[in-house]
Protein backbone atom coordinates (compact mmCIF):
# COMPACT_ATOMS: atom_id res chain seq x y z
CA UNK A 1 -19.53 20.06 11.67
CA UNK A 2 -22.01 21.67 14.18
CA UNK A 3 -21.04 23.49 17.11
CA UNK A 4 -21.92 20.51 19.52
CA UNK A 5 -20.06 18.10 17.27
CA UNK A 6 -16.94 20.33 17.23
CA UNK A 7 -17.04 20.89 20.92
CA UNK A 8 -17.49 17.11 21.52
CA UNK A 9 -14.30 16.24 19.55
CA UNK A 10 -12.37 19.00 21.59
CA UNK A 11 -13.61 17.25 24.78
CA UNK A 12 -12.73 13.91 23.43
CA UNK A 13 -9.20 15.02 22.57
CA UNK A 14 -8.59 16.41 26.06
CA UNK A 15 -9.85 13.13 27.47
CA UNK A 16 -7.51 11.01 25.27
CA UNK A 17 -4.52 13.42 25.94
CA UNK A 18 -5.03 13.08 29.59
CA UNK A 19 -5.91 16.68 30.21
CA UNK A 20 -9.01 15.23 32.08
CA UNK A 21 -8.20 12.31 33.59
CA UNK A 22 -10.04 8.88 34.44
CA UNK A 23 -12.71 9.47 37.34
CA UNK A 24 -12.13 13.39 37.21
CA UNK A 25 -15.14 15.68 37.35
CA UNK A 26 -15.57 17.75 34.14
CA UNK A 27 -16.46 21.21 34.04
CA UNK A 28 -20.26 22.28 34.49
CA UNK A 29 -22.70 22.69 31.57
CA UNK A 30 -22.95 26.30 32.70
CA UNK A 31 -18.98 26.73 32.90
CA UNK A 32 -18.44 25.40 29.55
CA UNK A 33 -21.23 27.48 28.07
CA UNK A 34 -19.59 30.69 29.29
CA UNK A 35 -16.10 29.49 28.32
CA UNK A 36 -16.98 28.55 24.88
CA UNK A 37 -19.87 31.27 24.43
CA UNK A 38 -22.50 28.72 23.41
CA UNK A 39 -25.75 27.76 24.72
CA UNK A 40 -26.26 25.29 27.47
CA UNK A 41 -28.24 22.96 25.02
CA UNK A 42 -25.09 22.91 22.89
CA UNK A 43 -23.08 21.77 25.87
CA UNK A 44 -25.64 19.36 26.61
CA UNK A 45 -25.72 17.88 23.41
CA UNK A 46 -21.84 17.60 23.32
CA UNK A 47 -22.06 15.81 26.60
CA UNK A 48 -24.69 13.55 25.11
CA UNK A 49 -22.19 12.53 22.24
CA UNK A 50 -19.32 11.83 24.84
CA UNK A 51 -21.94 9.81 27.05
CA UNK A 52 -22.90 7.61 23.94
CA UNK A 53 -19.19 6.91 23.24
CA UNK A 54 -18.74 5.69 26.89
CA UNK A 55 -15.97 8.72 27.37
CA UNK A 56 -18.10 10.28 30.28
CA UNK A 57 -20.54 9.00 32.99
CA UNK A 58 -23.03 11.39 34.37
CA UNK A 59 -23.72 11.15 38.29
CA UNK A 60 -27.10 12.82 39.62
CA UNK A 61 -26.61 16.16 41.25
CA UNK A 62 -22.85 15.93 40.83
CA UNK A 63 -22.28 16.40 36.95
CA UNK A 64 -20.13 14.37 34.41
CA UNK A 65 -17.11 12.33 35.14
CA UNK A 66 -14.44 10.91 32.79
CA UNK A 67 -15.36 7.21 32.55
CA UNK A 68 -13.19 4.66 34.27
CA UNK A 69 -11.99 2.72 31.42
CA UNK A 70 -9.37 0.00 30.12
CA UNK A 71 -6.33 1.59 28.87
CA UNK A 72 -6.26 1.76 24.95
CA UNK A 73 -5.04 -1.47 23.54
CA UNK A 74 -1.96 -1.50 21.51
CA UNK A 75 -1.80 -1.04 17.59
CA UNK A 76 -0.84 -4.40 15.97
CA UNK A 77 2.90 -4.69 14.98
CA UNK A 78 4.27 -5.20 11.52
CA UNK A 79 2.82 -7.98 9.70
CA UNK A 80 5.39 -10.80 8.85
CA UNK A 81 4.09 -12.91 5.87
CA UNK A 82 5.84 -15.44 4.06
CA UNK A 83 7.51 -13.58 1.28
CA UNK A 84 7.26 -15.67 -1.81
CA UNK A 85 4.95 -16.00 -4.50
CA UNK A 86 1.93 -18.25 -3.64
CA UNK A 87 -1.40 -19.11 -5.30
CA UNK A 88 -4.30 -17.31 -3.65
CA UNK A 89 -6.47 -19.45 -1.51
CA UNK A 90 -9.71 -19.12 1.00
CA UNK A 91 -12.27 -19.11 -2.02
CA UNK A 92 -14.63 -21.19 -0.13
CA UNK A 93 -14.63 -19.05 3.15
CA UNK A 94 -14.85 -15.84 0.75
CA UNK A 95 -18.07 -17.59 -0.71
CA UNK A 96 -19.38 -17.92 2.78
CA UNK A 97 -19.12 -14.46 3.33
CA UNK A 98 -20.80 -13.53 0.22
CA UNK A 99 -23.52 -16.07 0.89
CA UNK A 100 -24.67 -14.44 4.33
CA UNK A 101 -25.77 -11.40 2.17
CA UNK A 102 -28.87 -13.14 1.28
CA UNK A 103 -29.97 -13.63 5.06
CA UNK A 104 -31.88 -10.67 5.91
CA UNK A 105 -31.45 -11.68 9.63
CA UNK A 106 -27.79 -11.77 9.79
CA UNK A 107 -25.99 -8.91 11.28
CA UNK A 108 -23.12 -8.40 9.07
CA UNK A 109 -19.87 -7.09 10.76
CA UNK A 110 -18.03 -9.32 8.29
CA UNK A 111 -19.24 -7.18 5.11
CA UNK A 112 -18.03 -3.88 3.53
CA UNK A 113 -21.11 -2.00 2.90
CA UNK A 114 -21.61 1.37 3.99
CA UNK A 115 -24.58 3.01 5.81
CA UNK A 116 -27.64 3.58 3.41
CA UNK A 117 -30.09 4.75 6.11
CA UNK A 118 -29.03 8.40 5.83
CA UNK A 119 -31.32 10.98 4.55
CA UNK A 120 -28.50 12.94 2.84
CA UNK A 121 -28.98 9.82 0.13
CA UNK A 122 -32.69 10.99 -0.82
CA UNK A 123 -31.65 13.54 -3.36
CA UNK A 124 -30.16 10.65 -5.22
CA UNK A 125 -33.23 8.60 -5.03
CA UNK A 126 -35.17 11.43 -6.34
CA UNK A 127 -32.99 11.86 -9.33
CA UNK A 128 -33.19 8.24 -10.24
CA UNK A 129 -36.91 8.46 -10.01
CA UNK A 130 -36.96 11.54 -12.10
CA UNK A 131 -34.54 9.80 -14.88
CA UNK A 132 -37.15 6.92 -15.08
CA UNK A 133 -40.07 9.36 -15.63
CA UNK A 134 -38.59 11.72 -18.10
CA UNK A 135 -35.51 9.85 -19.94
CA UNK A 136 -36.82 6.34 -20.36
CA UNK A 137 -35.53 5.84 -23.85
CA UNK A 138 -32.07 7.05 -22.64
CA UNK A 139 -31.80 5.02 -19.57
CA UNK A 140 -32.44 1.90 -21.42
CA UNK A 141 -30.20 2.63 -24.17
CA UNK A 142 -26.70 1.32 -24.96
CA UNK A 143 -23.96 3.63 -23.19
CA UNK A 144 -20.75 4.87 -24.75
CA UNK A 145 -18.02 2.51 -24.17
CA UNK A 146 -15.98 5.03 -21.88
CA UNK A 147 -18.92 5.78 -19.95
CA UNK A 148 -21.22 8.86 -19.72
CA UNK A 149 -19.28 12.10 -20.36
CA UNK A 150 -21.21 14.38 -17.85
CA UNK A 151 -20.02 11.89 -15.10
CA UNK A 152 -16.69 11.66 -16.30
CA UNK A 153 -16.37 15.51 -15.85
CA UNK A 154 -17.73 15.31 -12.44
CA UNK A 155 -15.26 12.83 -11.48
CA UNK A 156 -12.33 14.64 -12.92
CA UNK A 157 -13.51 17.53 -10.60
CA UNK A 158 -13.80 15.46 -7.55
CA UNK A 159 -10.17 13.92 -8.38
CA UNK A 160 -8.62 17.58 -7.82
CA UNK A 161 -9.25 16.99 -4.11
CA UNK A 162 -6.78 14.03 -4.40
CA UNK A 163 -4.28 16.03 -6.13
CA UNK A 164 -4.76 14.64 -9.69
CA UNK A 165 -5.45 16.71 -12.53
CA UNK A 166 -6.96 14.75 -15.36
CA UNK A 167 -9.12 15.47 -18.13
CA UNK A 168 -12.67 13.58 -18.51
CA UNK A 169 -11.17 11.86 -21.83
CA UNK A 170 -8.54 10.06 -19.43
CA UNK A 171 -11.13 8.31 -17.34
CA UNK A 172 -13.35 5.29 -18.07
CA UNK A 173 -16.08 4.25 -16.18
CA UNK A 174 -16.51 0.71 -14.93
CA UNK A 175 -18.70 -1.76 -12.88
CA UNK A 176 -17.73 -0.47 -9.26
CA UNK A 177 -14.19 -0.53 -8.17
CA UNK A 178 -14.16 -4.37 -8.44
CA UNK A 179 -14.59 -4.06 -12.29
CA UNK A 180 -11.67 -0.96 -12.49
CA UNK A 181 -9.35 -3.54 -10.66
CA UNK A 182 -10.25 -6.35 -13.01
CA UNK A 183 -9.55 -4.31 -15.97
CA UNK A 184 -6.15 -2.99 -14.32
CA UNK A 185 -5.06 -6.41 -13.80
CA UNK A 186 -6.40 -7.90 -17.22
CA UNK A 187 -4.41 -4.88 -19.05
CA UNK A 188 -1.10 -5.54 -17.35
CA UNK A 189 -0.97 -8.94 -16.37
CA UNK A 190 -1.09 -12.46 -18.01
CA UNK A 191 -1.60 -15.86 -16.18
CA UNK A 192 1.40 -16.87 -14.30
CA UNK A 193 2.54 -13.41 -13.51
CA UNK A 194 3.66 -12.33 -9.93
CA UNK A 195 1.94 -9.26 -8.22
CA UNK A 196 2.93 -7.88 -4.88
CA UNK A 197 0.20 -7.00 -2.29
CA UNK A 198 -0.19 -5.57 1.05
CA UNK A 199 -0.53 -8.01 3.75
CA UNK A 200 -3.22 -8.24 4.82
CA UNK A 201 -5.03 -7.20 1.78
CA UNK A 202 -8.62 -6.91 0.71
CA UNK A 203 -10.06 -10.33 -0.19
CA UNK A 204 -11.85 -9.30 -3.34
CA UNK A 205 -8.51 -8.35 -5.06
CA UNK A 206 -7.01 -11.72 -3.77
CA UNK A 207 -9.86 -13.58 -5.47
CA UNK A 208 -9.30 -11.54 -8.59
CA UNK A 209 -5.77 -12.67 -8.92
CA UNK A 210 -6.85 -16.19 -8.06
CA UNK A 211 -9.50 -16.05 -10.92
CA UNK A 212 -6.83 -14.62 -13.19
CA UNK A 213 -4.18 -17.30 -12.51
CA UNK A 214 -1.96 -14.67 -11.06
CA UNK A 215 0.33 -15.35 -8.11
CA UNK A 216 0.65 -13.11 -5.21
CA UNK A 217 3.62 -12.33 -3.00
CA UNK A 218 2.63 -10.67 0.48
CA UNK A 219 4.71 -7.79 1.70
CA UNK A 220 4.84 -6.92 5.22
CA UNK A 221 2.61 -3.91 6.08
CA UNK A 222 2.62 -1.64 9.03
CA UNK A 223 -0.95 -0.78 10.40
CA UNK A 224 0.02 3.02 10.71
CA UNK A 225 2.48 3.61 7.75
CA UNK A 226 1.58 1.23 5.06
CA UNK A 227 3.51 -1.39 3.14
CA UNK A 228 7.14 -1.86 4.12
CA UNK A 229 9.22 -0.18 1.23
CA UNK A 230 12.39 -2.05 2.06
CA UNK A 231 10.50 -5.27 1.91
CA UNK A 232 9.01 -4.41 -1.41
CA UNK A 233 12.41 -3.68 -2.71
CA UNK A 234 13.97 -6.72 -1.75
CA UNK A 235 11.14 -8.73 -3.42
CA UNK A 236 11.40 -6.82 -6.53
CA UNK A 237 15.07 -7.77 -6.52
CA UNK A 238 14.21 -11.24 -6.18
CA UNK A 239 11.18 -11.98 -8.01
CA UNK A 240 9.76 -10.71 -11.65
CA UNK A 241 7.08 -8.90 -10.10
CA UNK A 242 4.59 -7.42 -12.77
CA UNK A 243 2.79 -4.94 -10.59
CA UNK A 244 2.09 -3.92 -6.85
CA UNK A 245 -1.73 -3.27 -5.57
CA UNK A 246 -2.04 -0.58 -2.97
CA UNK A 247 -4.64 0.75 -0.90
CA UNK A 248 -2.69 3.86 0.54
CA UNK A 249 -5.80 5.92 1.74
CA UNK A 250 -7.94 4.44 4.64
CA UNK A 251 -6.51 1.24 3.90
CA UNK A 252 -8.79 -2.12 3.95
CA UNK A 253 -8.49 -3.64 6.24
CA UNK A 254 -5.98 -1.85 8.26
CA UNK A 255 -7.47 1.70 7.99
CA UNK A 256 -3.78 3.55 7.75
CA UNK A 257 -3.30 6.69 5.38
CA UNK A 258 0.28 6.00 3.80
CA UNK A 259 2.45 9.18 4.82
CA UNK A 260 3.08 11.35 1.56
CA UNK A 261 6.85 10.93 1.65
CA UNK A 262 6.23 7.06 1.46
CA UNK A 263 3.88 7.41 -1.39
CA UNK A 264 6.64 9.30 -3.30
CA UNK A 265 9.10 6.49 -2.26
CA UNK A 266 7.08 3.45 -3.36
CA UNK A 267 6.33 5.50 -6.69
CA UNK A 268 10.24 6.03 -7.33
CA UNK A 269 10.66 2.33 -6.58
CA UNK A 270 8.04 1.54 -9.17
CA UNK A 271 9.82 3.68 -11.76
CA UNK A 272 13.47 2.28 -10.84
CA UNK A 273 12.05 -1.24 -11.32
CA UNK A 274 9.69 -0.42 -14.20
CA UNK A 275 6.49 -1.97 -12.69
CA UNK A 276 2.88 -0.96 -12.57
CA UNK A 277 1.15 0.54 -9.41
CA UNK A 278 -2.58 -0.44 -9.21
CA UNK A 279 -3.85 2.34 -6.81
CA UNK A 280 -7.26 1.39 -5.17
CA UNK A 281 -8.75 4.66 -3.64
CA UNK A 282 -12.15 3.55 -2.91
CA UNK A 283 -12.10 4.84 0.80
CA UNK A 284 -10.02 7.88 0.12
CA UNK A 285 -12.78 10.18 0.25
CA UNK A 286 -13.82 8.94 3.74
CA UNK A 287 -10.36 10.26 5.44
CA UNK A 288 -11.51 11.81 8.83
CA UNK A 289 -9.39 14.81 8.20
CA UNK A 290 -10.16 17.40 5.52
CA UNK A 291 -8.50 18.13 2.88
CA UNK A 292 -8.44 14.46 1.97
CA UNK A 293 -5.09 12.76 1.39
CA UNK A 294 -3.35 12.88 -1.90
CA UNK A 295 -3.18 9.86 -4.09
CA UNK A 296 0.05 8.20 -5.51
CA UNK A 297 -1.42 8.99 -8.93
CA UNK A 298 -0.96 12.62 -8.10
CA UNK A 299 2.58 12.23 -8.03
CA UNK A 300 2.75 10.13 -11.24
CA UNK A 301 4.30 11.57 -14.28
CA UNK A 302 4.65 8.67 -16.85
CA UNK A 303 1.38 6.96 -16.51
CA UNK A 304 2.43 3.83 -14.55
CA UNK A 305 -0.20 4.27 -11.83
CA UNK A 306 -3.48 2.92 -12.54
CA UNK A 307 -5.85 4.75 -10.11
CA UNK A 308 -9.15 2.59 -9.53
CA UNK A 309 -12.13 3.91 -7.37
CA UNK A 310 -16.06 4.08 -7.02
CA UNK A 311 -18.94 5.28 -5.43
CA UNK A 312 -19.62 2.02 -3.46
CA UNK A 313 -18.29 3.29 -0.28
CA UNK A 314 -19.21 6.84 -0.20
CA UNK A 315 -22.68 6.55 -2.00
CA UNK A 316 -24.07 3.01 -2.37
CA UNK A 317 -22.82 -0.28 -3.80
CA UNK A 318 -25.90 -1.12 -5.85
CA UNK A 319 -24.95 1.95 -8.14
CA UNK A 320 -22.28 -0.14 -9.81
CA UNK A 321 -20.64 2.98 -10.90
CA UNK A 322 -16.77 3.04 -10.64
CA UNK A 323 -13.93 4.34 -12.48
CA UNK A 324 -10.37 3.63 -13.69
CA UNK A 325 -7.69 6.38 -14.79
CA UNK A 326 -5.54 3.93 -16.91
CA UNK A 327 -2.68 6.40 -17.74
CA UNK A 328 -0.38 4.65 -20.58
CA UNK A 329 -2.64 1.69 -20.71
CA UNK A 330 -5.74 3.56 -21.74
CA UNK A 331 -6.08 1.70 -25.15
CA UNK A 332 -5.52 -1.72 -23.61
CA UNK A 333 -8.06 -0.96 -20.85
CA UNK A 334 -10.87 0.21 -23.45
CA UNK A 335 -10.24 -3.04 -25.37
CA UNK A 336 -10.54 -5.30 -22.23
CA UNK A 337 -13.61 -3.62 -20.94
CA UNK A 338 -15.15 -4.27 -24.51
CA UNK A 339 -13.94 -7.80 -24.29
CA UNK A 340 -14.83 -8.45 -20.75
CA UNK A 341 -18.10 -6.82 -20.02
CA UNK A 342 -18.77 -4.07 -22.66
CA UNK A 343 -21.28 -0.97 -21.48
CA UNK A 344 -22.30 0.41 -18.25
CA UNK A 345 -25.75 1.27 -17.21
CA UNK A 346 -26.68 4.73 -18.16
CA UNK A 347 -29.27 5.70 -15.52
CA UNK A 348 -27.28 5.31 -12.51
CA UNK A 349 -24.48 7.39 -14.18
CA UNK A 350 -26.67 10.01 -15.03
CA UNK A 351 -28.18 10.02 -11.42
CA UNK A 352 -24.59 10.10 -9.77
CA UNK A 353 -23.42 12.99 -12.11
CA UNK A 354 -26.38 15.10 -10.86
CA UNK A 355 -25.85 14.19 -7.38
CA UNK A 356 -22.38 15.58 -7.63
CA UNK A 357 -23.34 18.51 -9.97
CA UNK A 358 -26.03 19.64 -7.63
CA UNK A 359 -23.63 19.76 -4.41
CA UNK A 360 -25.50 16.72 -2.70
CA UNK A 361 -22.43 14.46 -2.93
CA UNK A 362 -20.15 16.59 -0.92
CA UNK A 363 -22.92 17.12 1.72
CA UNK A 364 -23.46 13.47 2.26
CA UNK A 365 -19.64 12.82 2.41
CA UNK A 366 -19.08 15.07 4.91
CA UNK A 367 -21.87 13.63 6.99
CA UNK A 368 -20.59 10.42 6.60
CA UNK A 369 -17.21 11.11 7.70
CA UNK A 370 -18.57 12.34 10.88
CA UNK A 371 -20.84 9.56 11.32
CA UNK A 372 -18.30 6.78 10.84
CA UNK A 373 -15.68 8.73 13.08
CA UNK A 374 -18.10 8.78 15.88
CA UNK A 375 -19.23 4.91 15.11
CA UNK A 376 -15.45 3.98 15.08
CA UNK A 377 -14.99 5.46 18.58
CA UNK A 378 -18.16 3.76 19.89
CA UNK A 379 -17.49 0.26 18.53
CA UNK A 380 -13.64 0.71 19.47
CA UNK A 381 -15.28 1.17 23.24
CA UNK A 382 -17.25 -1.81 23.06
CA UNK A 383 -14.36 -3.97 21.36
CA UNK A 384 -12.20 -3.04 24.47
CA UNK A 385 -15.10 -3.69 26.82
CA UNK A 386 -16.24 -7.12 25.29
CA UNK A 387 -13.13 -8.58 24.02
CA UNK A 388 -10.23 -9.89 25.98
CA UNK A 389 -7.60 -7.48 27.26
CA UNK A 390 -4.67 -9.05 25.35
CA UNK A 391 -5.91 -7.76 21.96
CA UNK A 392 -4.53 -5.17 19.50
CA UNK A 393 -6.66 -2.81 17.62
CA UNK A 394 -5.87 -0.61 14.66
CA UNK A 395 -6.57 3.30 14.79
CA UNK A 396 -8.00 3.87 11.41
CA UNK A 397 -7.46 7.21 9.99
CA UNK A 398 -11.04 7.31 8.26
CA UNK A 399 -13.67 4.92 6.70
CA UNK A 400 -15.58 2.38 8.53
CA UNK A 401 -13.25 -0.85 8.91
CA UNK A 402 -11.57 -1.81 12.05
CA UNK A 403 -8.92 -4.48 12.52
CA UNK A 404 -8.68 -6.45 15.65
CA UNK A 405 -5.71 -8.95 16.45
CA UNK A 406 -6.75 -11.63 19.16
CA UNK A 407 -4.78 -13.95 21.10
CA UNK A 408 -2.68 -16.70 18.91
CA UNK A 409 -4.90 -19.42 20.18
CA UNK A 410 -8.05 -17.90 18.68
CA UNK A 411 -9.28 -19.36 15.58
CA UNK A 412 -11.58 -16.76 14.20
CA UNK A 413 -12.43 -19.22 11.00
CA UNK A 414 -14.05 -21.62 13.75
CA UNK A 415 -15.62 -18.77 15.80
CA UNK A 416 -17.20 -17.24 12.64
CA UNK A 417 -19.03 -20.54 11.77
CA UNK A 418 -20.34 -20.48 15.40
CA UNK A 419 -21.55 -16.89 15.13
CA UNK A 420 -23.26 -17.78 12.08
CA UNK A 421 -25.72 -19.95 14.26
CA UNK A 422 -26.48 -16.99 15.99
CA UNK A 423 -27.07 -14.79 13.12
CA UNK A 424 -23.73 -12.91 13.26
CA UNK A 425 -21.35 -12.67 10.58
CA UNK A 426 -17.78 -11.85 11.01
CA UNK A 427 -14.94 -11.74 8.77
CA UNK A 428 -12.03 -13.80 9.97
CA UNK A 429 -8.64 -12.16 9.13
CA UNK A 430 -7.68 -15.49 7.07
CA UNK A 431 -9.83 -14.22 4.16
CA UNK A 432 -7.20 -11.20 3.83
CA UNK A 433 -4.13 -13.28 3.39
CA UNK A 434 -3.05 -15.25 -0.07
CA UNK A 435 -1.94 -18.02 2.13
CA UNK A 436 -4.41 -18.04 5.00
CA UNK A 437 -2.72 -16.06 7.45
CA UNK A 438 -4.12 -14.14 10.37
CA UNK A 439 -6.66 -16.60 11.62
CA UNK A 440 -6.38 -15.07 15.18
CA UNK A 441 -7.77 -11.61 13.67
CA UNK A 442 -11.17 -10.24 12.49
CA UNK A 443 -12.40 -7.15 10.48
CA UNK A 444 -15.33 -5.19 11.89
CA UNK A 445 -17.57 -3.07 9.90
CA UNK A 446 -18.62 -0.05 11.99
CA UNK A 447 -20.73 1.64 9.40
CA UNK A 448 -23.62 -0.55 10.95
CA UNK A 449 -25.57 2.06 13.31
CA UNK A 450 -24.52 1.29 16.86
CA UNK A 451 -28.01 0.27 18.26
CA UNK A 452 -28.46 -1.73 21.02
CA UNK A 453 -29.17 -4.86 18.92
CA UNK A 454 -25.71 -4.56 17.28
CA UNK A 455 -23.87 -3.78 20.64
CA UNK A 456 -25.59 -6.78 22.01
CA UNK A 457 -24.34 -8.83 18.83
CA UNK A 458 -20.93 -7.71 19.46
CA UNK A 459 -20.89 -8.71 23.09
CA UNK A 460 -21.96 -12.32 21.83
CA UNK A 461 -19.12 -12.12 19.59
CA UNK A 462 -16.61 -11.63 22.50
CA UNK A 463 -18.30 -14.10 24.63
CA UNK A 464 -17.56 -16.71 21.74
CA UNK A 465 -14.05 -15.57 21.83
CA UNK A 466 -13.51 -16.07 25.29
CA UNK A 467 -14.65 -19.55 24.95
CA UNK A 468 -12.48 -20.30 21.99
CA UNK A 469 -9.50 -19.14 24.25
CA UNK A 470 -10.35 -21.83 26.75
CA UNK A 471 -10.85 -24.41 24.64
């Protein structure tokens, strides 16, 4: 983090903590320069960041002042889904979300794609070009079933940051995290089984359950601490649950990081009831604070946690490079991989392995953490500015997904259809529920650069929500 970014974060914390109050004049550029022992241009750059975030306002010949702003909206309350096994619905709505990807004019707040415009990705593109020029035979050949060894070795090193010590031989490369989750479910479940999920939960995982004819039971989830251990235990006592799917780090869509003590609790509960934990760690590397949070897998001693992840959110979705650490289910996962899809593409695996080995991956992820954190603050300001004051908004601990709870009378399913005519895509909250709850909620992707065009689109979304409240 640069000096001006560090200083901007420090000043933002002081503003949020009330040390600089709304409307109060901030120290002059010269005074801050002397206080922190940095150049005047460094202070000016820090103030520019705060101005972009709408935390401060410049006044000619008077200096900078803390912006007059609305109070922070509250965080949504613990969710209260119906706690019984149900068949997953919402497939038609998910297809509408996916179909919009083909429209180049669509501003996609509803998708989950990362920012692919950053220069820190250039070494990856160069590596892919080099492979195409110098290794054409290798890149067009069959891969080994478990995936390229050099990539698995690099992933094993990355997993140390999350507390997991695994050998390359314990890792299986997959077609993205989606492929990893599919293999996990195919390996431990059969049609008619019941799986517990957080509520709300990623719609892609929900639709996997639907496709495999597995029932879902939604468990109450706190937007700051994660799945309710008490509610999960009650469900395990009432129903023959086979597994629980969790996104404990930078959750999708709520953004929380489950406290370490609760991770240990949920693992102990799984051991006591002899069930499997499928852990989706796809956003874990994008936690705002470093070192990144530990995985549940890092506490596992009997191989019951199947860790799934990929480079889809940290690097690029088009790579289609993910992985699973199957624990005791390794042989079953390998069989399912061969039966369901077979081999992976060698070229992207080779490129990603070199991208990590040469140090480019860590530099890129550090950059994206900072950018997403700044985007989150900017978009949260815009949501507060353009949406009704009765909203609740999550406080994500990383990643680039923001969850907004609107007044009960707002039906975001209907609003989303209206917004499509304006070339604005929104993800209604009902997509993230097996039974279609949360119609008055939406998920916003803040990886979209906070341009004037995107600000105007979010403003139009707010106007459509206001109209829906009046109808």
